[in-house]
C-alpha atoms as a PDB file:
ATOM      1  CA  MET A   1      -9.292  86.313 151.933  1.00  0.00           C
ATOM      2  CA  ASN A   2      -6.363  88.720 151.617  1.00  0.00           C
ATOM      3  CA  LYS A   3      -3.824  85.858 151.483  1.00  0.00           C
ATOM      4  CA  LEU A   4      -5.880  84.098 148.819  1.00  0.00           C
ATOM      5  CA  MET A   5      -5.945  87.273 146.701  1.00  0.00           C
ATOM      6  CA  ILE A   6      -2.165  87.702 147.021  1.00  0.00           C
ATOM      7  CA  LEU A   7      -1.597  84.067 146.056  1.00  0.00           C
ATOM      8  CA  ALA A   8      -3.931  84.358 143.044  1.00  0.00           C
ATOM      9  CA  THR A   9      -2.198  87.546 141.919  1.00  0.00           C
ATOM     10  CA  ALA A  10       1.225  85.941 142.298  1.00  0.00           C
ATOM     11  CA  LEU A  11       0.118  82.894 140.269  1.00  0.00           C
ATOM     12  CA  LEU A  12      -1.358  85.098 137.550  1.00  0.00           C
ATOM     13  CA  LEU A  13       1.810  87.207 137.317  1.00  0.00           C
ATOM     14  CA  ASN A  14       3.913  84.033 137.184  1.00  0.00           C
ATOM     15  CA  MET A  15       1.792  82.653 134.334  1.00  0.00           C
ATOM     16  CA  LEU A  16       2.001  85.938 132.412  1.00  0.00           C
ATOM     17  CA  TRP A  17       5.772  86.161 132.927  1.00  0.00           C
ATOM     18  CA  SER A  18       6.291  82.525 131.895  1.00  0.00           C
ATOM     19  CA  SER A  19       4.213  82.818 128.732  1.00  0.00           C
ATOM     20  CA  LYS A  20       5.899  86.112 127.828  1.00  0.00           C
ATOM     21  CA  ALA A  21       9.351  84.609 128.435  1.00  0.00           C
ATOM     22  CA  LEU A  22       8.514  81.668 126.192  1.00  0.00           C
ATOM     23  CA  ALA A  23       7.111  83.951 123.509  1.00  0.00           C
ATOM     24  CA  LEU A  24      10.275  86.056 123.507  1.00  0.00           C
ATOM     25  CA  LEU A  25      12.649  83.168 122.782  1.00  0.00           C
ATOM     26  CA  PHE A  26      13.857  83.911 119.290  1.00  0.00           C
ATOM     27  CA  CYS A  27      17.071  83.008 117.516  1.00  0.00           C
ATOM     28  CA  ALA A  28      18.226  83.968 114.043  1.00  0.00           C
ATOM     29  CA  VAL A  29      21.090  82.909 111.822  1.00  0.00           C
ATOM     30  CA  SER A  30      22.845  84.764 109.019  1.00  0.00           C
ATOM     31  CA  ALA A  31      25.812  83.816 106.867  1.00  0.00           C
ATOM     32  CA  THR A  32      28.244  85.490 104.500  1.00  0.00           C
ATOM     33  CA  ASN A  33      29.071  84.042 101.082  1.00  0.00           C
ATOM     34  CA  MET A  34      32.155  81.886 100.727  1.00  0.00           C
ATOM     35  CA  VAL A  35      34.018  83.107  97.655  1.00  0.00           C
ATOM     36  CA  PHE A  36      36.887  81.067  96.237  1.00  0.00           C
ATOM     37  CA  GLY A  37      37.732  83.426  93.379  1.00  0.00           C
ATOM     38  CA  SER A  38      39.639  82.449  90.254  1.00  0.00           C
ATOM     39  CA  PHE A  39      41.977  79.502  89.887  1.00  0.00           C
ATOM     40  CA  SER A  40      44.998  79.115  87.672  1.00  0.00           C
ATOM     41  CA  PRO A  41      46.174  75.529  87.131  1.00  0.00           C
ATOM     42  CA  LEU A  42      49.720  76.889  87.078  1.00  0.00           C
ATOM     43  CA  THR A  43      49.659  77.837  90.780  1.00  0.00           C
ATOM     44  CA  GLY A  44      49.993  74.329  92.186  1.00  0.00           C
ATOM     45  CA  SER A  45      48.074  74.982  95.394  1.00  0.00           C
ATOM     46  CA  GLU A  46      44.575  74.277  96.628  1.00  0.00           C
ATOM     47  CA  VAL A  47      42.045  77.076  96.961  1.00  0.00           C
ATOM     48  CA  VAL A  48      40.834  77.908 100.473  1.00  0.00           C
ATOM     49  CA  SER A  49      38.256  80.382 101.710  1.00  0.00           C
ATOM     50  CA  THR A  50      36.212  81.244 104.798  1.00  0.00           C
ATOM     51  CA  SER A  51      32.795  82.621 105.569  1.00  0.00           C
ATOM     52  CA  ASN A  52      30.995  83.603 108.742  1.00  0.00           C
ATOM     53  CA  ILE A  53      27.845  82.237 110.361  1.00  0.00           C
ATOM     54  CA  ASN A  54      26.302  84.527 112.987  1.00  0.00           C
ATOM     55  CA  VAL A  55      23.798  83.283 115.585  1.00  0.00           C
ATOM     56  CA  THR A  56      21.764  85.800 117.573  1.00  0.00           C
ATOM     57  CA  CYS A  57      19.344  84.850 120.373  1.00  0.00           C
ATOM     58  CA  ASP A  58      17.337  87.162 122.595  1.00  0.00           C
ATOM     59  CA  ALA A  59      17.223  84.990 125.720  1.00  0.00           C
ATOM     60  CA  LEU A  60      18.673  81.995 127.513  1.00  0.00           C
ATOM     61  CA  SER A  61      19.007  79.284 124.889  1.00  0.00           C
ATOM     62  CA  SER A  62      21.164  76.520 123.540  1.00  0.00           C
ATOM     63  CA  TYR A  63      21.597  75.948 119.820  1.00  0.00           C
ATOM     64  CA  ALA A  64      23.134  73.749 117.148  1.00  0.00           C
ATOM     65  CA  ILE A  65      24.218  74.753 113.646  1.00  0.00           C
ATOM     66  CA  ALA A  66      24.257  72.086 110.939  1.00  0.00           C
ATOM     67  CA  LEU A  67      25.307  72.425 107.304  1.00  0.00           C
ATOM     68  CA  SER A  68      23.748  70.541 104.400  1.00  0.00           C
ATOM     69  CA  PRO A  69      25.924  68.103 102.403  1.00  0.00           C
ATOM     70  CA  GLY A  70      29.218  69.751 101.614  1.00  0.00           C
ATOM     71  CA  GLY A  71      29.658  70.615 105.320  1.00  0.00           C
ATOM     72  CA  SER A  72      30.671  67.912 107.772  1.00  0.00           C
ATOM     73  CA  HIS A  73      30.306  69.327 111.274  1.00  0.00           C
ATOM     74  CA  THR A  74      27.608  70.373 113.698  1.00  0.00           C
ATOM     75  CA  VAL A  75      28.525  73.227 116.021  1.00  0.00           C
ATOM     76  CA  THR A  76      26.759  73.775 119.337  1.00  0.00           C
ATOM     77  CA  GLY A  77      26.675  76.713 121.710  1.00  0.00           C
ATOM     78  CA  SER A  78      24.538  78.482 124.276  1.00  0.00           C
ATOM     79  CA  PHE A  79      23.651  81.923 125.557  1.00  0.00           C
ATOM     80  CA  LEU A  80      23.073  82.686 129.214  1.00  0.00           C
ATOM     81  CA  LEU A  81      21.250  85.968 128.618  1.00  0.00           C
ATOM     82  CA  GLY A  82      21.017  86.095 124.847  1.00  0.00           C
ATOM     83  CA  GLY A  83      23.504  87.710 122.523  1.00  0.00           C
ATOM     84  CA  SER A  84      25.352  87.159 119.291  1.00  0.00           C
ATOM     85  CA  ARG A  85      28.133  84.761 118.353  1.00  0.00           C
ATOM     86  CA  ASP A  86      30.172  84.306 115.161  1.00  0.00           C
ATOM     87  CA  HIS A  87      31.334  80.951 113.799  1.00  0.00           C
ATOM     88  CA  THR A  88      33.953  80.730 111.045  1.00  0.00           C
ATOM     89  CA  VAL A  89      33.344  78.202 108.273  1.00  0.00           C
ATOM     90  CA  TYR A  90      36.342  76.931 106.306  1.00  0.00           C
ATOM     91  CA  GLY A  91      36.175  75.692 102.705  1.00  0.00           C
ATOM     92  CA  ARG A  92      38.792  74.027 100.530  1.00  0.00           C
ATOM     93  CA  ILE A  93      38.894  72.902  96.915  1.00  0.00           C
ATOM     94  CA  PRO A  94      41.601  70.247  96.596  1.00  0.00           C
ATOM     95  CA  LEU A  95      44.165  70.768  93.859  1.00  0.00           C
ATOM     96  CA  ALA A  96      43.257  67.486  92.122  1.00  0.00           C
ATOM     97  CA  SER A  97      39.639  68.653  91.730  1.00  0.00           C
ATOM     98  CA  GLN A  98      40.729  71.942  90.193  1.00  0.00           C
ATOM     99  CA  ARG A  99      43.026  70.466  87.569  1.00  0.00           C
ATOM    100  CA  THR A 100      40.220  68.430  85.984  1.00  0.00           C
ATOM    101  CA  ALA A 101      37.618  71.236  86.049  1.00  0.00           C
ATOM    102  CA  VAL A 102      36.360  72.791  82.824  1.00  0.00           C
ATOM    103  CA  ALA A 103      36.707  76.595  82.524  1.00  0.00           C
ATOM    104  CA  GLY A 104      33.582  78.425  83.658  1.00  0.00           C
ATOM    105  CA  SER A 105      31.744  79.790  86.656  1.00  0.00           C
ATOM    106  CA  TYR A 106      30.764  77.459  89.470  1.00  0.00           C
ATOM    107  CA  SER A 107      28.411  77.961  92.394  1.00  0.00           C
ATOM    108  CA  ASP A 108      26.743  75.878  95.061  1.00  0.00           C
ATOM    109  CA  SER A 109      24.348  76.431  97.931  1.00  0.00           C
ATOM    110  CA  ILE A 110      24.763  75.091 101.434  1.00  0.00           C
ATOM    111  CA  THR A 111      21.775  75.241 103.776  1.00  0.00           C
ATOM    112  CA  VAL A 112      22.524  76.395 107.330  1.00  0.00           C
ATOM    113  CA  THR A 113      20.053  74.899 109.830  1.00  0.00           C
ATOM    114  CA  LEU A 114      19.772  76.478 113.282  1.00  0.00           C
ATOM    115  CA  THR A 115      18.042  74.426 115.975  1.00  0.00           C
ATOM    116  CA  TYR A 116      17.465  76.130 119.317  1.00  0.00           C
ATOM    117  CA  ASN A 117      15.521  75.807 122.522  1.00  0.00           C
END
């Protein structure tokens, strides 16, 4: 009977640990704005800028970051014990696009999708 009780206790603890480990898996993503600033058609160069996407996970996980139209790459990564990782995003407005633009303020939104397991 003693061995049966030890086995039952071990199985119960394993189930509790497994469900708690699964419940703790959490990842979050945050991003900074990409600001291109002002453009003068007299400069003769394209406008480039960067922003940062940060992924934070609290446990062993793998992830993929995808950007909505306007972005063309999916980035993947993983954490062995959780942590935080930065990814630099590069943006460029070609010179030809700038020369035909009408004066004014422009903005756009890109959706960052984080998939993790």
